[in-house]
Protein backbone atom coordinates (compact mmCIF):
# COMPACT_ATOMS: atom_id res chain seq x y z
CA MET A 1 11.89 -1.55 -6.11
CA VAL A 2 10.36 1.71 -5.44
CA THR A 3 11.93 4.13 -7.97
CA GLN A 4 9.28 6.68 -9.18
CA SER A 5 9.18 9.79 -7.87
CA PRO A 6 5.31 10.78 -6.77
CA GLU A 7 4.42 13.16 -9.60
CA THR A 8 4.91 10.43 -12.28
CA LEU A 9 2.74 7.92 -10.40
CA HIS A 10 -0.81 7.15 -11.77
CA VAL A 11 -3.32 7.95 -9.32
CA ARG A 12 -3.89 4.41 -8.56
CA GLN A 13 -0.50 3.88 -7.63
CA ARG A 14 -0.78 6.89 -5.30
CA ILE A 15 -3.51 5.29 -3.01
CA PRO A 16 -4.12 2.16 -0.88
CA HIS A 17 -5.12 -1.24 -2.86
CA VAL A 18 -5.64 -4.80 -2.24
CA ASP A 19 -3.81 -7.58 -3.92
CA ALA A 20 -6.96 -9.99 -4.18
CA TYR A 21 -10.38 -10.30 -2.95
CA GLY A 22 -10.17 -13.63 -1.30
CA ARG A 23 -9.93 -14.16 2.54
CA GLU A 24 -7.65 -17.11 1.72
CA ARG A 25 -4.98 -14.90 -0.01
CA ILE A 26 -1.84 -14.14 1.69
CA ALA A 27 0.55 -11.48 0.78
CA LEU A 28 4.42 -11.74 1.97
CA ILE A 29 6.65 -8.99 1.52
CA HIS A 30 10.36 -9.74 2.58
CA TYR A 31 12.31 -6.23 3.07
CA LEU A 32 15.89 -6.47 1.83
CA SER A 33 17.14 -2.95 2.00
CA PRO A 34 19.50 -2.74 5.45
CA ASP A 35 19.13 1.21 5.36
CA ASN A 36 15.45 1.61 4.40
CA HIS A 37 12.76 1.93 7.05
CA ASP A 38 9.63 2.92 5.10
CA GLY A 39 7.67 0.44 5.36
CA THR A 40 3.94 -0.63 4.85
CA ALA A 41 0.90 0.74 6.07
CA PHE A 42 -2.65 -0.54 6.33
CA PHE A 43 -5.62 1.68 5.96
CA GLN A 44 -9.05 2.19 6.32
CA HIS A 45 -11.33 4.07 3.75
CA ARG A 46 -13.23 7.02 5.48
CA ALA A 47 -16.19 7.04 3.22
CA THR A 48 -17.13 3.82 3.52
CA GLY A 49 -15.64 2.41 6.40
CA PHE A 50 -13.90 -0.37 4.67
CA GLU A 51 -10.29 -1.76 5.62
CA THR A 52 -10.85 -4.75 3.48
CA ILE A 53 -12.39 -5.25 0.01
CA ASP A 54 -13.78 -8.31 -1.03
CA GLN A 55 -15.71 -9.37 -4.25
CA GLU A 56 -19.13 -7.94 -2.63
CA ARG A 57 -17.30 -4.73 -1.29
CA ALA A 58 -15.41 -3.85 -4.56
CA PRO A 59 -18.47 -1.96 -6.27
CA THR A 60 -19.44 -0.08 -3.24
CA PHE A 61 -15.65 0.72 -2.51
CA PHE A 62 -15.23 1.59 -6.18
CA SER A 63 -17.80 3.69 -6.39
CA ALA A 64 -17.25 5.94 -3.80
CA LEU A 65 -13.41 6.14 -4.51
CA ASP A 66 -13.91 7.21 -8.31
CA ALA A 67 -16.57 9.87 -7.00
CA GLU A 68 -13.89 11.18 -4.35
CA LEU A 69 -10.97 10.97 -7.15
CA GLN A 70 -12.81 13.52 -9.19
CA ALA A 71 -12.39 16.36 -6.46
CA ASP A 72 -9.61 15.28 -4.41
CA VAL A 73 -6.67 13.55 -6.06
CA PRO A 74 -3.52 12.83 -3.82
CA ASN A 75 -0.46 14.16 -5.00
CA GLY A 76 2.47 11.48 -3.87
CA TYR A 77 2.68 8.38 -1.91
CA ILE A 78 0.10 8.13 0.79
CA SER A 79 1.96 6.64 3.89
CA GLY A 80 -0.51 7.98 6.54
CA ASP A 81 -3.55 9.69 7.15
CA SER A 82 -5.13 11.63 4.29
CA SER A 83 -8.45 13.24 3.27
CA LEU A 84 -9.31 9.92 1.95
CA PHE A 85 -7.82 7.00 4.15
CA GLU A 86 -7.10 6.74 7.72
CA CYS A 87 -4.06 4.94 8.58
CA MET A 88 -4.74 2.18 10.48
CA ASP A 89 -1.02 0.66 11.41
CA MET A 90 2.29 0.90 9.78
CA VAL A 91 4.87 -1.68 9.69
CA GLU A 92 8.31 -0.52 9.63
CA ALA A 93 10.77 -2.05 7.22
CA ARG A 94 13.73 -3.69 8.59
CA TYR A 95 16.62 -5.74 6.99
CA ASN A 96 15.25 -9.29 6.46
CA ARG A 97 11.98 -8.98 8.14
CA ALA A 98 9.24 -10.71 6.41
CA LEU A 99 5.40 -9.24 6.60
CA LEU A 100 2.62 -11.35 6.16
CA TYR A 101 -1.17 -9.93 5.84
CA ARG A 102 -4.40 -11.23 4.17
CA SER A 103 -4.49 -9.76 0.54
CA HIS A 104 -7.80 -8.25 0.84
CA LEU A 105 -6.41 -5.53 3.78
CA LEU A 106 -6.05 -2.08 1.77
CA HIS A 107 -2.46 -1.25 1.99
CA SER A 108 0.21 0.76 0.84
CA GLY A 109 3.88 1.03 0.74
CA ALA A 110 4.67 3.77 3.34
CA ILE A 111 7.10 5.62 1.17
CA SER A 112 8.35 8.63 2.95
CA MET A 113 8.50 12.48 0.58
CA ASP A 114 12.32 12.06 1.32
CA GLY A 115 12.66 8.51 0.93
CA ASP A 116 15.67 7.40 -1.17
CA LEU A 117 14.11 6.34 -4.69
CA SER A 118 17.70 4.95 -6.08
CA PRO A 119 17.52 2.10 -8.65
CA LYS A 120 20.40 1.02 -6.61
CA PRO A 121 19.30 -2.05 -4.36
CA GLU A 122 22.15 -1.00 -1.85
CA HIS A 123 20.31 2.29 -1.28
CA GLY A 124 16.80 2.23 -2.32
CA ARG A 125 13.48 0.13 -1.45
CA LEU A 126 14.31 -3.27 -2.17
CA THR A 127 11.60 -5.88 -1.54
CA ILE A 128 10.62 -9.57 -2.65
CA THR A 129 6.53 -9.78 -2.49
CA ALA A 130 4.96 -13.49 -2.88
CA PHE A 131 1.44 -14.34 -2.60
CA LEU A 132 -0.01 -17.08 -0.93
CA GLU A 133 -3.07 -19.09 -0.69
CA ILE A 134 -4.42 -21.13 2.27
CA SER A 135 -6.20 -24.02 1.06
């Protein structure tokens, strides 16, 4: 569940991320909140042009990102375009919807600024996440 207010997040929790570097890894998000429609957004890093981060791209990406974060720290959840990232797509959360995507895609929970951060499952953003591997 997403329950932390944006100002309490570490900078790495505010920006798009990848779950794993391998192309064979799949992430699954199962949305369980009937009234929460925030979703998941997918991004391109503006400085590098990367939409995916693998073992080879990681050093270039993190070097550029670390330099950018010295001057430009996001102040909340990134759910759309920002100075560092361009939002390429957004999938709205819907009750009982499952979303599958490659784990090396830059993504983030699309948490609205006025979203309900309640720890109560019937009000907040409740999801189940799983990671799969294609063999």
